[in-house]
Amino acid sequence: MLDKLSHDERMRLVRFVCSFAWADLEVQDEERAFVKKLVRKLKLSAEEAKQAEAWLKVPPAPEEVDPTDVPKAHRKLFLETIRGLVAADKRLDPEEEENLALFEQLLS
């Protein structure tokens, strides 16, 4: 399904994933590894990979991660990918749990 995403949708997915990595205000090594693997799977350019790294240093602005911008056709994929990120560090912090629940509601 990842290969069916347009360039903009791929970057939107990475932006959302990076924003969720910040849910507990600290990006874990496992979350960084998850994002790097996702960048490879999405076959992003070196410049786009740098942008993903930047989002792991400073989270995307809230207006850049509006769940209503996620196309209906891709909502399940976005949600599954974000669940993967949240599970990457084998801990579910209350902030992550709350953000994930809210994201699920907004995508429904």
C-alpha atoms as a PDB file:
ATOM      1  CA  MET A   1       0.000   0.000   0.000  1.00  0.00           C
ATOM      2  CA  LEU A   2       2.911   2.364   0.670  1.00  0.00           C
ATOM      3  CA  ASP A   3       3.817   2.280  -3.012  1.00  0.00           C
ATOM      4  CA  LYS A   4       0.360   3.620  -3.913  1.00  0.00           C
ATOM      5  CA  LEU A   5       0.940   6.872  -2.013  1.00  0.00           C
ATOM      6  CA  SER A   6       1.796   9.979  -3.987  1.00  0.00           C
ATOM      7  CA  HIS A   7       4.927  11.927  -3.114  1.00  0.00           C
ATOM      8  CA  ASP A   8       2.932  14.420  -1.012  1.00  0.00           C
ATOM      9  CA  GLU A   9       1.094  11.612   0.786  1.00  0.00           C
ATOM     10  CA  ARG A  10       4.398   9.883   1.592  1.00  0.00           C
ATOM     11  CA  MET A  11       5.754  13.051   3.148  1.00  0.00           C
ATOM     12  CA  ARG A  12       2.472  13.623   4.984  1.00  0.00           C
ATOM     13  CA  LEU A  13       2.744  10.106   6.466  1.00  0.00           C
ATOM     14  CA  VAL A  14       6.317  10.724   7.631  1.00  0.00           C
ATOM     15  CA  ARG A  15       5.298  14.068   9.107  1.00  0.00           C
ATOM     16  CA  PHE A  16       2.469  12.417  11.076  1.00  0.00           C
ATOM     17  CA  VAL A  17       4.709   9.593  12.269  1.00  0.00           C
ATOM     18  CA  CYS A  18       7.355  12.055  13.426  1.00  0.00           C
ATOM     19  CA  SER A  19       4.759  14.124  15.254  1.00  0.00           C
ATOM     20  CA  PHE A  20       3.591  11.016  17.118  1.00  0.00           C
ATOM     21  CA  ALA A  21       7.185  10.241  18.073  1.00  0.00           C
ATOM     22  CA  TRP A  22       7.004  13.483  20.077  1.00  0.00           C
ATOM     23  CA  ALA A  23       3.792  12.522  21.947  1.00  0.00           C
ATOM     24  CA  ASP A  24       5.683  11.900  25.194  1.00  0.00           C
ATOM     25  CA  LEU A  25       8.030  14.869  24.511  1.00  0.00           C
ATOM     26  CA  GLU A  26      11.011  12.592  23.905  1.00  0.00           C
ATOM     27  CA  VAL A  27      11.902  10.685  20.742  1.00  0.00           C
ATOM     28  CA  GLN A  28      13.240   7.239  21.642  1.00  0.00           C
ATOM     29  CA  ASP A  29      16.000   5.459  19.688  1.00  0.00           C
ATOM     30  CA  GLU A  30      13.501   2.778  18.651  1.00  0.00           C
ATOM     31  CA  GLU A  31      11.218   5.469  17.245  1.00  0.00           C
ATOM     32  CA  ARG A  32      14.113   6.997  15.296  1.00  0.00           C
ATOM     33  CA  ALA A  33      14.903   3.562  13.878  1.00  0.00           C
ATOM     34  CA  PHE A  34      11.244   3.093  12.928  1.00  0.00           C
ATOM     35  CA  VAL A  35      11.222   6.402  11.047  1.00  0.00           C
ATOM     36  CA  LYS A  36      14.478   5.582   9.236  1.00  0.00           C
ATOM     37  CA  LYS A  37      13.058   2.226   8.160  1.00  0.00           C
ATOM     38  CA  LEU A  38       9.863   3.927   6.987  1.00  0.00           C
ATOM     39  CA  VAL A  39      11.877   6.465   4.975  1.00  0.00           C
ATOM     40  CA  ARG A  40      13.660   3.561   3.244  1.00  0.00           C
ATOM     41  CA  LYS A  41      10.385   1.732   2.571  1.00  0.00           C
ATOM     42  CA  LEU A  42       8.910   4.892   1.073  1.00  0.00           C
ATOM     43  CA  LYS A  43      12.028   5.333  -1.095  1.00  0.00           C
ATOM     44  CA  LEU A  44      12.366   8.972  -0.134  1.00  0.00           C
ATOM     45  CA  SER A  45      15.193  11.097  -1.470  1.00  0.00           C
ATOM     46  CA  ALA A  46      18.194  12.138   0.618  1.00  0.00           C
ATOM     47  CA  GLU A  47      16.666  15.608   0.996  1.00  0.00           C
ATOM     48  CA  GLU A  48      13.361  14.132   2.191  1.00  0.00           C
ATOM     49  CA  ALA A  49      15.210  11.878   4.629  1.00  0.00           C
ATOM     50  CA  LYS A  50      16.915  14.998   6.017  1.00  0.00           C
ATOM     51  CA  GLN A  51      13.491  16.562   6.496  1.00  0.00           C
ATOM     52  CA  ALA A  52      12.369  13.493   8.454  1.00  0.00           C
ATOM     53  CA  GLU A  53      15.481  13.782  10.629  1.00  0.00           C
ATOM     54  CA  ALA A  54      14.661  17.451  11.216  1.00  0.00           C
ATOM     55  CA  TRP A  55      11.150  16.500  12.370  1.00  0.00           C
ATOM     56  CA  LEU A  56      12.719  14.107  14.858  1.00  0.00           C
ATOM     57  CA  LYS A  57      14.744  17.007  16.278  1.00  0.00           C
ATOM     58  CA  VAL A  58      11.892  19.535  16.253  1.00  0.00           C
ATOM     59  CA  PRO A  59       8.326  18.283  15.822  1.00  0.00           C
ATOM     60  CA  PRO A  60       6.193  19.440  12.914  1.00  0.00           C
ATOM     61  CA  ALA A  61       3.907  22.367  13.677  1.00  0.00           C
ATOM     62  CA  PRO A  62       0.416  21.286  14.788  1.00  0.00           C
ATOM     63  CA  GLU A  63      -1.196  22.831  11.720  1.00  0.00           C
ATOM     64  CA  GLU A  64       0.990  20.585   9.552  1.00  0.00           C
ATOM     65  CA  VAL A  65      -0.524  17.418  11.029  1.00  0.00           C
ATOM     66  CA  ASP A  66      -4.269  17.900  10.716  1.00  0.00           C
ATOM     67  CA  PRO A  67      -5.909  14.447  10.635  1.00  0.00           C
ATOM     68  CA  THR A  68      -8.681  15.795   8.427  1.00  0.00           C
ATOM     69  CA  ASP A  69      -6.034  16.250   5.696  1.00  0.00           C
ATOM     70  CA  VAL A  70      -5.466  12.480   5.525  1.00  0.00           C
ATOM     71  CA  PRO A  71      -7.342  11.129   2.490  1.00  0.00           C
ATOM     72  CA  LYS A  72     -10.049   8.635   3.468  1.00  0.00           C
ATOM     73  CA  ALA A  73      -8.461   6.001   1.243  1.00  0.00           C
ATOM     74  CA  HIS A  74      -5.251   6.142   3.296  1.00  0.00           C
ATOM     75  CA  ARG A  75      -6.554   6.541   6.835  1.00  0.00           C
ATOM     76  CA  LYS A  76      -6.175   2.860   7.721  1.00  0.00           C
ATOM     77  CA  LEU A  77      -2.580   2.857   6.477  1.00  0.00           C
ATOM     78  CA  PHE A  78      -1.736   6.015   8.433  1.00  0.00           C
ATOM     79  CA  LEU A  79      -3.292   4.594  11.582  1.00  0.00           C
ATOM     80  CA  GLU A  80      -1.497   1.241  11.246  1.00  0.00           C
ATOM     81  CA  THR A  81       1.832   2.959  10.619  1.00  0.00           C
ATOM     82  CA  ILE A  82       1.412   5.232  13.637  1.00  0.00           C
ATOM     83  CA  ARG A  83       0.453   2.238  15.783  1.00  0.00           C
ATOM     84  CA  GLY A  84       3.725   0.663  14.658  1.00  0.00           C
ATOM     85  CA  LEU A  85       5.670   3.713  15.756  1.00  0.00           C
ATOM     86  CA  VAL A  86       3.908   3.864  19.121  1.00  0.00           C
ATOM     87  CA  ALA A  87       4.732   0.180  19.710  1.00  0.00           C
ATOM     88  CA  ALA A  88       8.353   0.550  18.567  1.00  0.00           C
ATOM     89  CA  ASP A  89       9.750   1.338  22.017  1.00  0.00           C
ATOM     90  CA  LYS A  90       7.614  -1.366  23.697  1.00  0.00           C
ATOM     91  CA  ARG A  91       6.016   1.223  26.024  1.00  0.00           C
ATOM     92  CA  LEU A  92       2.734   3.027  25.763  1.00  0.00           C
ATOM     93  CA  ASP A  93       2.967   6.304  27.629  1.00  0.00           C
ATOM     94  CA  PRO A  94      -0.316   7.963  28.660  1.00  0.00           C
ATOM     95  CA  GLU A  95       0.349  10.821  26.233  1.00  0.00           C
ATOM     96  CA  GLU A  96       0.867   8.395  23.357  1.00  0.00           C
ATOM     97  CA  GLU A  97      -2.248   6.454  24.272  1.00  0.00           C
ATOM     98  CA  GLU A  98      -4.326   9.636  24.448  1.00  0.00           C
ATOM     99  CA  ASN A  99      -2.978  10.990  21.142  1.00  0.00           C
ATOM    100  CA  LEU A 100      -3.522   7.661  19.413  1.00  0.00           C
ATOM    101  CA  ALA A 101      -7.114   7.424  20.680  1.00  0.00           C
ATOM    102  CA  LEU A 102      -7.816  10.979  19.546  1.00  0.00           C
ATOM    103  CA  PHE A 103      -6.249  10.310  16.143  1.00  0.00           C
ATOM    104  CA  GLU A 104      -8.405   7.187  15.731  1.00  0.00           C
ATOM    105  CA  GLN A 105     -11.526   9.200  16.568  1.00  0.00           C
ATOM    106  CA  LEU A 106     -10.645  11.964  14.142  1.00  0.00           C
ATOM    107  CA  LEU A 107     -10.060   9.488  11.336  1.00  0.00           C
ATOM    108  CA  SER A 108     -13.377   7.685  11.919  1.00  0.00           C
END
